[in-house]
Every structure is written in C-alpha cells, then in structure tokens.
C-alpha cells in the first residue's frame, strides 16, 4: 500500500486488542469537492465500521 512512503512509523495493534482505532485520510481538495450528502455518507460509513469493529467478539 505504500505506507512506508508517507509514514515515518506505522504500528499494528497488539494481539490483545479486539478493535482497531483506524484513521482515514482524504485529500483536502477532493474532500472539499464532495457534496454534503457524500460527506455525510463517509461519516455514516466510518461510524458504522467503528461500531462493527468495537462490537466484534463481545460476548
């Protein structure tokens, strides 16, 4: 993916972590070109993904 080209340090979660606190990076010009509906769709999808990740393996 080329992470080493843009990040000085990149760490994966440990085996003890059941969720990943992930970030999404988007070019500012591209993001600014999105409609309000498209921006909201990204927000909703990100929140849904985080909720699914946090609920994974909860017994």
PDB file of N, CA and C in Angstrom:
ATOM      1  N   UNK A   1       0.805  -1.202   0.000  1.00  0.00           N
ATOM      2  CA  UNK A   1       0.000   0.000   0.000  1.00  0.00           C
ATOM      3  C   UNK A   1       0.846   1.264   0.000  1.00  0.00           C
ATOM      4  N   UNK A   2       2.104   1.167   0.297  1.00  0.00           N
ATOM      5  CA  UNK A   2       2.968   2.335   0.272  1.00  0.00           C
ATOM      6  C   UNK A   2       2.971   3.142   1.560  1.00  0.00           C
ATOM      7  N   UNK A   3       2.530   2.532   2.677  1.00  0.00           N
ATOM      8  CA  UNK A   3       2.516   3.260   3.951  1.00  0.00           C
ATOM      9  C   UNK A   3       3.897   3.804   4.298  1.00  0.00           C
ATOM     10  N   UNK A   4       4.930   3.036   3.976  1.00  0.00           N
ATOM     11  CA  UNK A   4       6.288   3.447   4.315  1.00  0.00           C
ATOM     12  C   UNK A   4       6.702   4.723   3.588  1.00  0.00           C
ATOM     13  N   UNK A   5       5.993   5.082   2.545  1.00  0.00           N
ATOM     14  CA  UNK A   5       6.324   6.291   1.797  1.00  0.00           C
ATOM     15  C   UNK A   5       5.770   7.553   2.449  1.00  0.00           C
ATOM     16  N   UNK A   6       4.725   7.414   3.250  1.00  0.00           N
ATOM     17  CA  UNK A   6       4.091   8.599   3.839  1.00  0.00           C
ATOM     18  C   UNK A   6       4.144   8.619   5.361  1.00  0.00           C
ATOM     19  N   UNK A   7       4.465   7.499   5.982  1.00  0.00           N
ATOM     20  CA  UNK A   7       4.501   7.434   7.443  1.00  0.00           C
ATOM     21  C   UNK A   7       5.897   7.069   7.915  1.00  0.00           C
ATOM     22  N   UNK A   8       6.400   7.823   8.879  1.00  0.00           N
ATOM     23  CA  UNK A   8       7.707   7.500   9.440  1.00  0.00           C
ATOM     24  C   UNK A   8       7.618   6.239  10.296  1.00  0.00           C
ATOM     25  N   UNK A   9       6.556   6.126  11.084  1.00  0.00           N
ATOM     26  CA  UNK A   9       6.347   4.958  11.943  1.00  0.00           C
ATOM     27  C   UNK A   9       4.932   4.447  11.721  1.00  0.00           C
ATOM     28  N   UNK A  10       4.780   3.140  11.600  1.00  0.00           N
ATOM     29  CA  UNK A  10       3.461   2.539  11.426  1.00  0.00           C
ATOM     30  C   UNK A  10       3.385   1.333  12.342  1.00  0.00           C
ATOM     31  N   UNK A  11       2.398   1.321  13.219  1.00  0.00           N
ATOM     32  CA  UNK A  11       2.264   0.250  14.190  1.00  0.00           C
ATOM     33  C   UNK A  11       0.927  -0.448  14.014  1.00  0.00           C
ATOM     34  N   UNK A  12       0.952  -1.758  14.054  1.00  0.00           N
ATOM     35  CA  UNK A  12      -0.282  -2.531  14.060  1.00  0.00           C
ATOM     36  C   UNK A  12      -0.702  -2.765  15.501  1.00  0.00           C
ATOM     37  N   UNK A  13      -1.984  -3.071  15.693  1.00  0.00           N
ATOM     38  CA  UNK A  13      -2.468  -3.331  17.037  1.00  0.00           C
ATOM     39  C   UNK A  13      -1.872  -4.633  17.564  1.00  0.00           C
ATOM     40  N   UNK A  14      -1.840  -4.745  18.892  1.00  0.00           N
ATOM     41  CA  UNK A  14      -1.360  -5.959  19.513  1.00  0.00           C
ATOM     42  C   UNK A  14      -2.418  -7.046  19.478  1.00  0.00           C
ATOM     43  N   UNK A  15      -2.011  -8.262  19.769  1.00  0.00           N
ATOM     44  CA  UNK A  15      -2.954  -9.377  19.764  1.00  0.00           C
ATOM     45  C   UNK A  15      -4.033  -9.227  20.820  1.00  0.00           C
ATOM     46  N   UNK A  16      -3.781  -8.439  21.864  1.00  0.00           N
ATOM     47  CA  UNK A  16      -4.744  -8.259  22.938  1.00  0.00           C
ATOM     48  C   UNK A  16      -5.854  -7.285  22.566  1.00  0.00           C
ATOM     49  N   UNK A  17      -5.691  -6.540  21.500  1.00  0.00           N
ATOM     50  CA  UNK A  17      -6.701  -5.559  21.116  1.00  0.00           C
ATOM     51  C   UNK A  17      -7.736  -6.205  20.204  1.00  0.00           C
ATOM     52  N   UNK A  18      -9.010  -5.990  20.522  1.00  0.00           N
ATOM     53  CA  UNK A  18     -10.068  -6.566  19.690  1.00  0.00           C
ATOM     54  C   UNK A  18     -10.618  -5.550  18.700  1.00  0.00           C
ATOM     55  N   UNK A  19     -10.234  -4.301  18.824  1.00  0.00           N
ATOM     56  CA  UNK A  19     -10.679  -3.296  17.865  1.00  0.00           C
ATOM     57  C   UNK A  19      -9.479  -2.540  17.328  1.00  0.00           C
ATOM     58  N   UNK A  20      -9.682  -1.968  16.204  1.00  0.00           N
ATOM     59  CA  UNK A  20      -8.655  -1.145  15.578  1.00  0.00           C
ATOM     60  C   UNK A  20      -9.175   0.284  15.553  1.00  0.00           C
ATOM     61  N   UNK A  21      -8.428   1.179  16.129  1.00  0.00           N
ATOM     62  CA  UNK A  21      -8.771   2.591  16.019  1.00  0.00           C
ATOM     63  C   UNK A  21      -8.117   3.100  14.747  1.00  0.00           C
ATOM     64  N   UNK A  22      -8.864   3.036  13.677  1.00  0.00           N
ATOM     65  CA  UNK A  22      -8.312   3.352  12.365  1.00  0.00           C
ATOM     66  C   UNK A  22      -8.616   4.792  11.979  1.00  0.00           C
ATOM     67  N   UNK A  23      -7.772   5.321  11.154  1.00  0.00           N
ATOM     68  CA  UNK A  23      -7.956   6.661  10.614  1.00  0.00           C
ATOM     69  C   UNK A  23      -8.149   6.551   9.110  1.00  0.00           C
ATOM     70  N   UNK A  24      -8.834   7.528   8.576  1.00  0.00           N
ATOM     71  CA  UNK A  24      -8.991   7.605   7.129  1.00  0.00           C
ATOM     72  C   UNK A  24      -8.480   8.968   6.690  1.00  0.00           C
ATOM     73  N   UNK A  25      -7.582   8.966   5.751  1.00  0.00           N
ATOM     74  CA  UNK A  25      -7.012  10.214   5.260  1.00  0.00           C
ATOM     75  C   UNK A  25      -7.503  10.459   3.838  1.00  0.00           C
ATOM     76  N   UNK A  26      -7.996  11.650   3.595  1.00  0.00           N
ATOM     77  CA  UNK A  26      -8.530  12.010   2.286  1.00  0.00           C
ATOM     78  C   UNK A  26      -7.912  13.344   1.879  1.00  0.00           C
ATOM     79  N   UNK A  27      -7.540  13.446   0.634  1.00  0.00           N
ATOM     80  CA  UNK A  27      -7.016  14.695   0.097  1.00  0.00           C
ATOM     81  C   UNK A  27      -8.024  15.813   0.339  1.00  0.00           C
ATOM     82  N   UNK A  28      -7.562  16.931   0.881  1.00  0.00           N
ATOM     83  CA  UNK A  28      -8.448  18.038   1.238  1.00  0.00           C
ATOM     84  C   UNK A  28      -9.208  18.610   0.060  1.00  0.00           C
ATOM     85  N   UNK A  29      -8.535  18.744  -1.080  1.00  0.00           N
ATOM     86  CA  UNK A  29      -9.216  19.264  -2.270  1.00  0.00           C
ATOM     87  C   UNK A  29     -10.320  18.312  -2.721  1.00  0.00           C
ATOM     88  N   UNK A  30     -10.023  17.004  -2.659  1.00  0.00           N
ATOM     89  CA  UNK A  30     -11.036  16.017  -3.029  1.00  0.00           C
ATOM     90  C   UNK A  30     -12.219  16.080  -2.072  1.00  0.00           C
ATOM     91  N   UNK A  31     -11.911  16.125  -0.769  1.00  0.00           N
ATOM     92  CA  UNK A  31     -12.989  16.172   0.227  1.00  0.00           C
ATOM     93  C   UNK A  31     -13.847  17.420   0.042  1.00  0.00           C
ATOM     94  N   UNK A  32     -13.209  18.538  -0.196  1.00  0.00           N
ATOM     95  CA  UNK A  32     -13.952  19.788  -0.398  1.00  0.00           C
ATOM     96  C   UNK A  32     -14.843  19.735  -1.635  1.00  0.00           C
ATOM     97  N   UNK A  33     -14.476  18.889  -2.598  1.00  0.00           N
ATOM     98  CA  UNK A  33     -15.274  18.783  -3.821  1.00  0.00           C
ATOM     99  C   UNK A  33     -16.507  17.901  -3.646  1.00  0.00           C
ATOM    100  N   UNK A  34     -16.574  17.160  -2.530  1.00  0.00           N
ATOM    101  CA  UNK A  34     -17.725  16.286  -2.292  1.00  0.00           C
ATOM    102  C   UNK A  34     -18.945  17.106  -1.903  1.00  0.00           C
ATOM    103  N   UNK A  35     -20.105  16.569  -2.236  1.00  0.00           N
ATOM    104  CA  UNK A  35     -21.348  17.218  -1.812  1.00  0.00           C
ATOM    105  C   UNK A  35     -21.558  16.947  -0.327  1.00  0.00           C
ATOM    106  N   UNK A  36     -22.446  17.693   0.294  1.00  0.00           N
ATOM    107  CA  UNK A  36     -22.751  17.461   1.708  1.00  0.00           C
ATOM    108  C   UNK A  36     -23.269  16.047   1.919  1.00  0.00           C
ATOM    109  N   UNK A  37     -24.043  15.531   0.975  1.00  0.00           N
ATOM    110  CA  UNK A  37     -24.570  14.172   1.078  1.00  0.00           C
ATOM    111  C   UNK A  37     -23.443  13.143   1.031  1.00  0.00           C
ATOM    112  N   UNK A  38     -22.466  13.345   0.159  1.00  0.00           N
ATOM    113  CA  UNK A  38     -21.333  12.421   0.072  1.00  0.00           C
ATOM    114  C   UNK A  38     -20.474  12.485   1.332  1.00  0.00           C
ATOM    115  N   UNK A  39     -20.284  13.673   1.882  1.00  0.00           N
ATOM    116  CA  UNK A  39     -19.534  13.809   3.135  1.00  0.00           C
ATOM    117  C   UNK A  39     -20.255  13.092   4.266  1.00  0.00           C
ATOM    118  N   UNK A  40     -21.579  13.224   4.318  1.00  0.00           N
ATOM    119  CA  UNK A  40     -22.362  12.550   5.350  1.00  0.00           C
ATOM    120  C   UNK A  40     -22.292  11.036   5.162  1.00  0.00           C
ATOM    121  N   UNK A  41     -22.289  10.566   3.916  1.00  0.00           N
ATOM    122  CA  UNK A  41     -22.178   9.132   3.645  1.00  0.00           C
ATOM    123  C   UNK A  41     -20.854   8.583   4.173  1.00  0.00           C
ATOM    124  N   UNK A  42     -19.764   9.325   3.985  1.00  0.00           N
ATOM    125  CA  UNK A  42     -18.472   8.908   4.531  1.00  0.00           C
ATOM    126  C   UNK A  42     -18.513   8.844   6.051  1.00  0.00           C
ATOM    127  N   UNK A  43     -19.122   9.844   6.672  1.00  0.00           N
ATOM    128  CA  UNK A  43     -19.223   9.877   8.133  1.00  0.00           C
ATOM    129  C   UNK A  43     -20.025   8.687   8.651  1.00  0.00           C
ATOM    130  N   UNK A  44     -21.165   8.417   8.030  1.00  0.00           N
ATOM    131  CA  UNK A  44     -22.020   7.309   8.462  1.00  0.00           C
ATOM    132  C   UNK A  44     -21.296   5.973   8.275  1.00  0.00           C
ATOM    133  N   UNK A  45     -20.620   5.795   7.143  1.00  0.00           N
ATOM    134  CA  UNK A  45     -19.890   4.558   6.888  1.00  0.00           C
ATOM    135  C   UNK A  45     -18.755   4.366   7.891  1.00  0.00           C
ATOM    136  N   UNK A  46     -18.042   5.436   8.218  1.00  0.00           N
ATOM    137  CA  UNK A  46     -16.947   5.345   9.189  1.00  0.00           C
ATOM    138  C   UNK A  46     -17.477   4.974  10.568  1.00  0.00           C
ATOM    139  N   UNK A  47     -18.575   5.593  10.976  1.00  0.00           N
ATOM    140  CA  UNK A  47     -19.161   5.275  12.280  1.00  0.00           C
ATOM    141  C   UNK A  47     -19.685   3.850  12.320  1.00  0.00           C
ATOM    142  N   UNK A  48     -20.285   3.381  11.233  1.00  0.00           N
ATOM    143  CA  UNK A  48     -20.779   2.004  11.171  1.00  0.00           C
ATOM    144  C   UNK A  48     -19.622   1.016  11.261  1.00  0.00           C
ATOM    145  N   UNK A  49     -18.534   1.319  10.569  1.00  0.00           N
ATOM    146  CA  UNK A  49     -17.366   0.451  10.602  1.00  0.00           C
ATOM    147  C   UNK A  49     -16.768   0.379  12.005  1.00  0.00           C
ATOM    148  N   UNK A  50     -16.667   1.526  12.667  1.00  0.00           N
ATOM    149  CA  UNK A  50     -16.134   1.548  14.026  1.00  0.00           C
ATOM    150  C   UNK A  50     -17.048   0.790  14.979  1.00  0.00           C
ATOM    151  N   UNK A  51     -18.356   0.969  14.847  1.00  0.00           N
ATOM    152  CA  UNK A  51     -19.308   0.254  15.709  1.00  0.00           C
ATOM    153  C   UNK A  51     -19.190  -1.248  15.515  1.00  0.00           C
ATOM    154  N   UNK A  52     -19.082  -1.685  14.268  1.00  0.00           N
ATOM    155  CA  UNK A  52     -18.937  -3.114  13.989  1.00  0.00           C
ATOM    156  C   UNK A  52     -17.635  -3.638  14.578  1.00  0.00           C
ATOM    157  N   UNK A  53     -16.569  -2.883  14.413  1.00  0.00           N
ATOM    158  CA  UNK A  53     -15.277  -3.294  14.946  1.00  0.00           C
ATOM    159  C   UNK A  53     -15.309  -3.396  16.465  1.00  0.00           C
ATOM    160  N   UNK A  54     -15.939  -2.424  17.117  1.00  0.00           N
ATOM    161  CA  UNK A  54     -15.984  -2.421  18.581  1.00  0.00           C
ATOM    162  C   UNK A  54     -16.854  -3.547  19.124  1.00  0.00           C
ATOM    163  N   UNK A  55     -17.875  -3.956  18.368  1.00  0.00           N
ATOM    164  CA  UNK A  55     -18.779  -4.994  18.857  1.00  0.00           C
ATOM    165  C   UNK A  55     -18.293  -6.399  18.519  1.00  0.00           C
ATOM    166  N   UNK A  56     -17.257  -6.502  17.712  1.00  0.00           N
ATOM    167  CA  UNK A  56     -16.724  -7.800  17.321  1.00  0.00           C
ATOM    168  C   UNK A  56     -16.149  -8.516  18.538  1.00  0.00           C
ATOM    169  N   UNK A  57     -16.524  -9.729  18.706  1.00  0.00           N
ATOM    170  CA  UNK A  57     -16.057 -10.589  19.803  1.00  0.00           C
ATOM    171  C   UNK A  57     -16.519 -10.132  21.180  1.00  0.00           C
ATOM    172  N   UNK A  58     -17.569  -9.357  21.259  1.00  0.00           N
ATOM    173  CA  UNK A  58     -18.136  -9.045  22.574  1.00  0.00           C
ATOM    174  C   UNK A  58     -19.103 -10.164  22.918  1.00  0.00           C
ATOM    175  N   UNK A  59     -18.877 -10.826  24.014  1.00  0.00           N
ATOM    176  CA  UNK A  59     -19.715 -11.965  24.401  1.00  0.00           C
ATOM    177  C   UNK A  59     -20.670 -11.561  25.477  1.00  0.00           C
TER     178      UNK A  59
END
